[in-house]
Amino acid sequence: MIYADMTTGPAGQSFDSDRRIEEILVRYDVGSEVHTAISNARPYLAAAIERTQERLGRTATQSANGS
């Protein structure tokens, strides 16, 4: 869920995760609940996205190798 949310913009466009996080932070004032939560969670979000990308890469590799 994190991967999908952090790689898709508000109009459904594809974003890289850093751009998506910046897009969220620009929309909300510093000190707002959303800005604070996203800012604090940024390392966790980045790690979750990286794990998902690794898993997707393994799945693609396994499919290409027939395993």
PDB file of N, CA and C in Angstrom:
ATOM      1  N   MET A   1       0.817  -1.179   0.000  1.00  0.00           N
ATOM      2  CA  MET A   1       0.000   0.000   0.000  1.00  0.00           C
ATOM      3  C   MET A   1       0.872   1.258   0.000  1.00  0.00           C
ATOM      4  N   ILE A   2       1.930   1.227   0.793  1.00  0.00           N
ATOM      5  CA  ILE A   2       2.835   2.385   0.837  1.00  0.00           C
ATOM      6  C   ILE A   2       3.434   2.630  -0.539  1.00  0.00           C
ATOM      7  N   TYR A   3       3.881   1.553  -1.189  1.00  0.00           N
ATOM      8  CA  TYR A   3       4.502   1.687  -2.513  1.00  0.00           C
ATOM      9  C   TYR A   3       3.537   2.336  -3.492  1.00  0.00           C
ATOM     10  N   ALA A   4       2.318   1.846  -3.517  1.00  0.00           N
ATOM     11  CA  ALA A   4       1.320   2.398  -4.447  1.00  0.00           C
ATOM     12  C   ALA A   4       1.050   3.874  -4.140  1.00  0.00           C
ATOM     13  N   ASP A   5       0.887   4.200  -2.869  1.00  0.00           N
ATOM     14  CA  ASP A   5       0.577   5.578  -2.494  1.00  0.00           C
ATOM     15  C   ASP A   5       1.741   6.524  -2.760  1.00  0.00           C
ATOM     16  N   MET A   6       2.946   6.067  -2.498  1.00  0.00           N
ATOM     17  CA  MET A   6       4.111   6.941  -2.615  1.00  0.00           C
ATOM     18  C   MET A   6       4.714   6.978  -4.021  1.00  0.00           C
ATOM     19  N   THR A   7       4.115   6.275  -4.974  1.00  0.00           N
ATOM     20  CA  THR A   7       4.594   6.338  -6.355  1.00  0.00           C
ATOM     21  C   THR A   7       3.488   6.773  -7.319  1.00  0.00           C
ATOM     22  N   THR A   8       2.377   7.259  -6.755  1.00  0.00           N
ATOM     23  CA  THR A   8       1.249   7.719  -7.560  1.00  0.00           C
ATOM     24  C   THR A   8       0.813   9.097  -7.072  1.00  0.00           C
ATOM     25  N   GLY A   9       0.693  10.036  -7.989  1.00  0.00           N
ATOM     26  CA  GLY A   9       0.274  11.390  -7.639  1.00  0.00           C
ATOM     27  C   GLY A   9      -1.220  11.490  -7.444  1.00  0.00           C
ATOM     28  N   PRO A  10      -1.689  12.645  -7.019  1.00  0.00           N
ATOM     29  CA  PRO A  10      -3.103  12.832  -6.717  1.00  0.00           C
ATOM     30  C   PRO A  10      -4.030  12.657  -7.924  1.00  0.00           C
ATOM     31  N   ALA A  11      -3.490  12.828  -9.117  1.00  0.00           N
ATOM     32  CA  ALA A  11      -4.314  12.652 -10.326  1.00  0.00           C
ATOM     33  C   ALA A  11      -4.029  11.308 -11.007  1.00  0.00           C
ATOM     34  N   GLY A  12      -3.338  10.414 -10.308  1.00  0.00           N
ATOM     35  CA  GLY A  12      -3.055   9.091 -10.844  1.00  0.00           C
ATOM     36  C   GLY A  12      -1.773   8.990 -11.638  1.00  0.00           C
ATOM     37  N   GLN A  13      -1.009  10.068 -11.734  1.00  0.00           N
ATOM     38  CA  GLN A  13       0.229  10.043 -12.493  1.00  0.00           C
ATOM     39  C   GLN A  13       1.331   9.314 -11.716  1.00  0.00           C
ATOM     40  N   SER A  14       2.286   8.760 -12.451  1.00  0.00           N
ATOM     41  CA  SER A  14       3.417   8.071 -11.820  1.00  0.00           C
ATOM     42  C   SER A  14       4.409   9.095 -11.294  1.00  0.00           C
ATOM     43  N   PHE A  15       4.870   8.876 -10.079  1.00  0.00           N
ATOM     44  CA  PHE A  15       5.871   9.718  -9.435  1.00  0.00           C
ATOM     45  C   PHE A  15       6.955   8.816  -8.884  1.00  0.00           C
ATOM     46  N   ASP A  16       8.196   9.313  -8.801  1.00  0.00           N
ATOM     47  CA  ASP A  16       9.148   8.589  -7.967  1.00  0.00           C
ATOM     48  C   ASP A  16       8.834   9.008  -6.527  1.00  0.00           C
ATOM     49  N   SER A  17       9.254   8.213  -5.591  1.00  0.00           N
ATOM     50  CA  SER A  17       8.832   8.433  -4.202  1.00  0.00           C
ATOM     51  C   SER A  17       9.314   9.770  -3.634  1.00  0.00           C
ATOM     52  N   ASP A  18      10.530  10.188  -3.965  1.00  0.00           N
ATOM     53  CA  ASP A  18      11.009  11.482  -3.451  1.00  0.00           C
ATOM     54  C   ASP A  18      10.153  12.634  -3.968  1.00  0.00           C
ATOM     55  N   ARG A  19       9.815  12.580  -5.242  1.00  0.00           N
ATOM     56  CA  ARG A  19       8.963  13.628  -5.814  1.00  0.00           C
ATOM     57  C   ARG A  19       7.584  13.612  -5.165  1.00  0.00           C
ATOM     58  N   ARG A  20       7.055  12.424  -4.923  1.00  0.00           N
ATOM     59  CA  ARG A  20       5.730  12.304  -4.294  1.00  0.00           C
ATOM     60  C   ARG A  20       5.740  12.877  -2.879  1.00  0.00           C
ATOM     61  N   ILE A  21       6.755  12.555  -2.117  1.00  0.00           N
ATOM     62  CA  ILE A  21       6.839  13.083  -0.752  1.00  0.00           C
ATOM     63  C   ILE A  21       6.960  14.604  -0.783  1.00  0.00           C
ATOM     64  N   GLU A  22       7.784  15.126  -1.674  1.00  0.00           N
ATOM     65  CA  GLU A  22       7.907  16.584  -1.792  1.00  0.00           C
ATOM     66  C   GLU A  22       6.580  17.216  -2.188  1.00  0.00           C
ATOM     67  N   GLU A  23       5.857  16.560  -3.085  1.00  0.00           N
ATOM     68  CA  GLU A  23       4.547  17.065  -3.520  1.00  0.00           C
ATOM     69  C   GLU A  23       3.590  17.141  -2.335  1.00  0.00           C
ATOM     70  N   ILE A  24       3.609  16.146  -1.475  1.00  0.00           N
ATOM     71  CA  ILE A  24       2.750  16.152  -0.284  1.00  0.00           C
ATOM     72  C   ILE A  24       3.169  17.274   0.662  1.00  0.00           C
ATOM     73  N   LEU A  25       4.468  17.390   0.904  1.00  0.00           N
ATOM     74  CA  LEU A  25       4.958  18.393   1.853  1.00  0.00           C
ATOM     75  C   LEU A  25       4.665  19.820   1.388  1.00  0.00           C
ATOM     76  N   VAL A  26       4.657  20.058   0.100  1.00  0.00           N
ATOM     77  CA  VAL A  26       4.352  21.392  -0.425  1.00  0.00           C
ATOM     78  C   VAL A  26       2.878  21.735  -0.205  1.00  0.00           C
ATOM     79  N   ARG A  27       2.005  20.727  -0.270  1.00  0.00           N
ATOM     80  CA  ARG A  27       0.567  20.981  -0.134  1.00  0.00           C
ATOM     81  C   ARG A  27       0.137  21.278   1.294  1.00  0.00           C
ATOM     82  N   TYR A  28       0.922  20.833   2.260  1.00  0.00           N
ATOM     83  CA  TYR A  28       0.532  21.003   3.666  1.00  0.00           C
ATOM     84  C   TYR A  28       1.508  21.928   4.378  1.00  0.00           C
ATOM     85  N   ASP A  29       0.976  22.787   5.223  1.00  0.00           N
ATOM     86  CA  ASP A  29       1.800  23.725   5.973  1.00  0.00           C
ATOM     87  C   ASP A  29       2.717  22.995   6.950  1.00  0.00           C
ATOM     88  N   VAL A  30       3.918  23.561   7.119  1.00  0.00           N
ATOM     89  CA  VAL A  30       4.830  23.057   8.139  1.00  0.00           C
ATOM     90  C   VAL A  30       4.103  23.114   9.478  1.00  0.00           C
ATOM     91  N   GLY A  31       4.188  22.050  10.238  1.00  0.00           N
ATOM     92  CA  GLY A  31       3.505  21.989  11.525  1.00  0.00           C
ATOM     93  C   GLY A  31       2.149  21.330  11.456  1.00  0.00           C
ATOM     94  N   SER A  32       1.592  21.166  10.247  1.00  0.00           N
ATOM     95  CA  SER A  32       0.307  20.466  10.131  1.00  0.00           C
ATOM     96  C   SER A  32       0.528  18.985  10.433  1.00  0.00           C
ATOM     97  N   GLU A  33      -0.548  18.302  10.770  1.00  0.00           N
ATOM     98  CA  GLU A  33      -0.443  16.878  11.105  1.00  0.00           C
ATOM     99  C   GLU A  33       0.135  16.070   9.947  1.00  0.00           C
ATOM    100  N   VAL A  34      -0.327  16.348   8.744  1.00  0.00           N
ATOM    101  CA  VAL A  34       0.146  15.589   7.580  1.00  0.00           C
ATOM    102  C   VAL A  34       1.625  15.877   7.322  1.00  0.00           C
ATOM    103  N   HIS A  35       2.014  17.148   7.309  1.00  0.00           N
ATOM    104  CA  HIS A  35       3.406  17.506   7.064  1.00  0.00           C
ATOM    105  C   HIS A  35       4.318  16.861   8.099  1.00  0.00           C
ATOM    106  N   THR A  36       3.930  16.946   9.357  1.00  0.00           N
ATOM    107  CA  THR A  36       4.736  16.363  10.435  1.00  0.00           C
ATOM    108  C   THR A  36       4.829  14.852  10.294  1.00  0.00           C
ATOM    109  N   ALA A  37       3.696  14.193  10.028  1.00  0.00           N
ATOM    110  CA  ALA A  37       3.684  12.733   9.909  1.00  0.00           C
ATOM    111  C   ALA A  37       4.546  12.260   8.741  1.00  0.00           C
ATOM    112  N   ILE A  38       4.396  12.880   7.585  1.00  0.00           N
ATOM    113  CA  ILE A  38       5.172  12.480   6.407  1.00  0.00           C
ATOM    114  C   ILE A  38       6.652  12.768   6.630  1.00  0.00           C
ATOM    115  N   SER A  39       6.964  13.903   7.201  1.00  0.00           N
ATOM    116  CA  SER A  39       8.369  14.243   7.477  1.00  0.00           C
ATOM    117  C   SER A  39       9.001  13.224   8.414  1.00  0.00           C
ATOM    118  N   ASN A  40       8.294  12.888   9.481  1.00  0.00           N
ATOM    119  CA  ASN A  40       8.822  11.927  10.453  1.00  0.00           C
ATOM    120  C   ASN A  40       8.908  10.517   9.880  1.00  0.00           C
ATOM    121  N   ALA A  41       7.977  10.166   9.011  1.00  0.00           N
ATOM    122  CA  ALA A  41       7.918   8.812   8.458  1.00  0.00           C
ATOM    123  C   ALA A  41       8.788   8.633   7.219  1.00  0.00           C
ATOM    124  N   ARG A  42       9.380   9.691   6.733  1.00  0.00           N
ATOM    125  CA  ARG A  42      10.125   9.622   5.464  1.00  0.00           C
ATOM    126  C   ARG A  42      11.142   8.474   5.407  1.00  0.00           C
ATOM    127  N   PRO A  43      11.974   8.257   6.439  1.00  0.00           N
ATOM    128  CA  PRO A  43      12.913   7.123   6.369  1.00  0.00           C
ATOM    129  C   PRO A  43      12.188   5.767   6.300  1.00  0.00           C
ATOM    130  N   TYR A  44      11.126   5.619   7.062  1.00  0.00           N
ATOM    131  CA  TYR A  44      10.336   4.379   7.039  1.00  0.00           C
ATOM    132  C   TYR A  44       9.701   4.174   5.671  1.00  0.00           C
ATOM    133  N   LEU A  45       9.125   5.234   5.121  1.00  0.00           N
ATOM    134  CA  LEU A  45       8.496   5.141   3.797  1.00  0.00           C
ATOM    135  C   LEU A  45       9.519   4.756   2.742  1.00  0.00           C
ATOM    136  N   ALA A  46      10.695   5.388   2.777  1.00  0.00           N
ATOM    137  CA  ALA A  46      11.750   5.093   1.808  1.00  0.00           C
ATOM    138  C   ALA A  46      12.193   3.635   1.913  1.00  0.00           C
ATOM    139  N   ALA A  47      12.331   3.132   3.127  1.00  0.00           N
ATOM    140  CA  ALA A  47      12.742   1.736   3.320  1.00  0.00           C
ATOM    141  C   ALA A  47      11.668   0.777   2.815  1.00  0.00           C
ATOM    142  N   ALA A  48      10.409   1.081   3.069  1.00  0.00           N
ATOM    143  CA  ALA A  48       9.316   0.226   2.602  1.00  0.00           C
ATOM    144  C   ALA A  48       9.258   0.195   1.076  1.00  0.00           C
ATOM    145  N   ILE A  49       9.469   1.342   0.460  1.00  0.00           N
ATOM    146  CA  ILE A  49       9.468   1.419  -1.004  1.00  0.00           C
ATOM    147  C   ILE A  49      10.639   0.629  -1.573  1.00  0.00           C
ATOM    148  N   GLU A  50      11.793   0.759  -0.962  1.00  0.00           N
ATOM    149  CA  GLU A  50      12.969   0.018  -1.426  1.00  0.00           C
ATOM    150  C   GLU A  50      12.749  -1.495  -1.314  1.00  0.00           C
ATOM    151  N   ARG A  51      12.192  -1.943  -0.200  1.00  0.00           N
ATOM    152  CA  ARG A  51      11.910  -3.384  -0.039  1.00  0.00           C
ATOM    153  C   ARG A  51      10.952  -3.872  -1.109  1.00  0.00           C
ATOM    154  N   THR A  52       9.939  -3.085  -1.397  1.00  0.00           N
ATOM    155  CA  THR A  52       8.960  -3.477  -2.420  1.00  0.00           C
ATOM    156  C   THR A  52       9.610  -3.539  -3.790  1.00  0.00           C
ATOM    157  N   GLN A  53      10.441  -2.555  -4.105  1.00  0.00           N
ATOM    158  CA  GLN A  53      11.128  -2.560  -5.399  1.00  0.00           C
ATOM    159  C   GLN A  53      12.047  -3.772  -5.520  1.00  0.00           C
ATOM    160  N   GLU A  54      12.725  -4.135  -4.438  1.00  0.00           N
ATOM    161  CA  GLU A  54      13.576  -5.326  -4.452  1.00  0.00           C
ATOM    162  C   GLU A  54      12.737  -6.578  -4.701  1.00  0.00           C
ATOM    163  N   ARG A  55      11.614  -6.679  -4.033  1.00  0.00           N
ATOM    164  CA  ARG A  55      10.737  -7.839  -4.217  1.00  0.00           C
ATOM    165  C   ARG A  55      10.182  -7.891  -5.636  1.00  0.00           C
ATOM    166  N   LEU A  56       9.804  -6.755  -6.164  1.00  0.00           N
ATOM    167  CA  LEU A  56       9.312  -6.716  -7.539  1.00  0.00           C
ATOM    168  C   LEU A  56      10.408  -7.113  -8.513  1.00  0.00           C
ATOM    169  N   GLY A  57      11.623  -6.691  -8.240  1.00  0.00           N
ATOM    170  CA  GLY A  57      12.761  -7.061  -9.083  1.00  0.00           C
ATOM    171  C   GLY A  57      13.025  -8.549  -9.046  1.00  0.00           C
ATOM    172  N   ARG A  58      12.940  -9.142  -7.859  1.00  0.00           N
ATOM    173  CA  ARG A  58      13.131 -10.591  -7.737  1.00  0.00           C
ATOM    174  C   ARG A  58      12.039 -11.330  -8.473  1.00  0.00           C
ATOM    175  N   THR A  59      10.805 -10.843  -8.367  1.00  0.00           N
ATOM    176  CA  THR A  59       9.689 -11.490  -9.047  1.00  0.00           C
ATOM    177  C   THR A  59       9.886 -11.429 -10.554  1.00  0.00           C
ATOM    178  N   ALA A  60      10.303 -10.278 -11.055  1.00  0.00           N
ATOM    179  CA  ALA A  60      10.527 -10.141 -12.493  1.00  0.00           C
ATOM    180  C   ALA A  60      11.662 -11.054 -12.942  1.00  0.00           C
ATOM    181  N   THR A  61      12.732 -11.136 -12.140  1.00  0.00           N
ATOM    182  CA  THR A  61      13.876 -11.992 -12.465  1.00  0.00           C
ATOM    183  C   THR A  61      13.451 -13.453 -12.443  1.00  0.00           C
ATOM    184  N   GLN A  62      12.690 -13.850 -11.424  1.00  0.00           N
ATOM    185  CA  GLN A  62      12.218 -15.233 -11.327  1.00  0.00           C
ATOM    186  C   GLN A  62      11.342 -15.595 -12.515  1.00  0.00           C
ATOM    187  N   SER A  63      10.468 -14.680 -12.916  1.00  0.00           N
ATOM    188  CA  SER A  63       9.590 -14.934 -14.064  1.00  0.00           C
ATOM    189  C   SER A  63      10.408 -15.079 -15.341  1.00  0.00           C
ATOM    190  N   ALA A  64      11.422 -14.241 -15.497  1.00  0.00           N
ATOM    191  CA  ALA A  64      12.257 -14.297 -16.700  1.00  0.00           C
ATOM    192  C   ALA A  64      13.068 -15.596 -16.747  1.00  0.00           C
ATOM    193  N   ASN A  65      13.440 -16.109 -15.559  1.00  0.00           N
ATOM    194  CA  ASN A  65      14.220 -17.342 -15.490  1.00  0.00           C
ATOM    195  C   ASN A  65      13.335 -18.575 -15.477  1.00  0.00           C
ATOM    196  N   GLY A  66      12.012 -18.382 -15.430  1.00  0.00           N
ATOM    197  CA  GLY A  66      11.106 -19.515 -15.394  1.00  0.00           C
ATOM    198  C   GLY A  66      11.022 -20.197 -14.046  1.00  0.00           C
ATOM    199  N   SER A  67      11.451 -19.526 -12.975  1.00  0.00           N
ATOM    200  CA  SER A  67      11.365 -20.145 -11.648  1.00  0.00           C
ATOM    201  C   SER A  67      10.307 -19.507 -10.795  1.00  0.00           C
TER     202      SER A  67
END
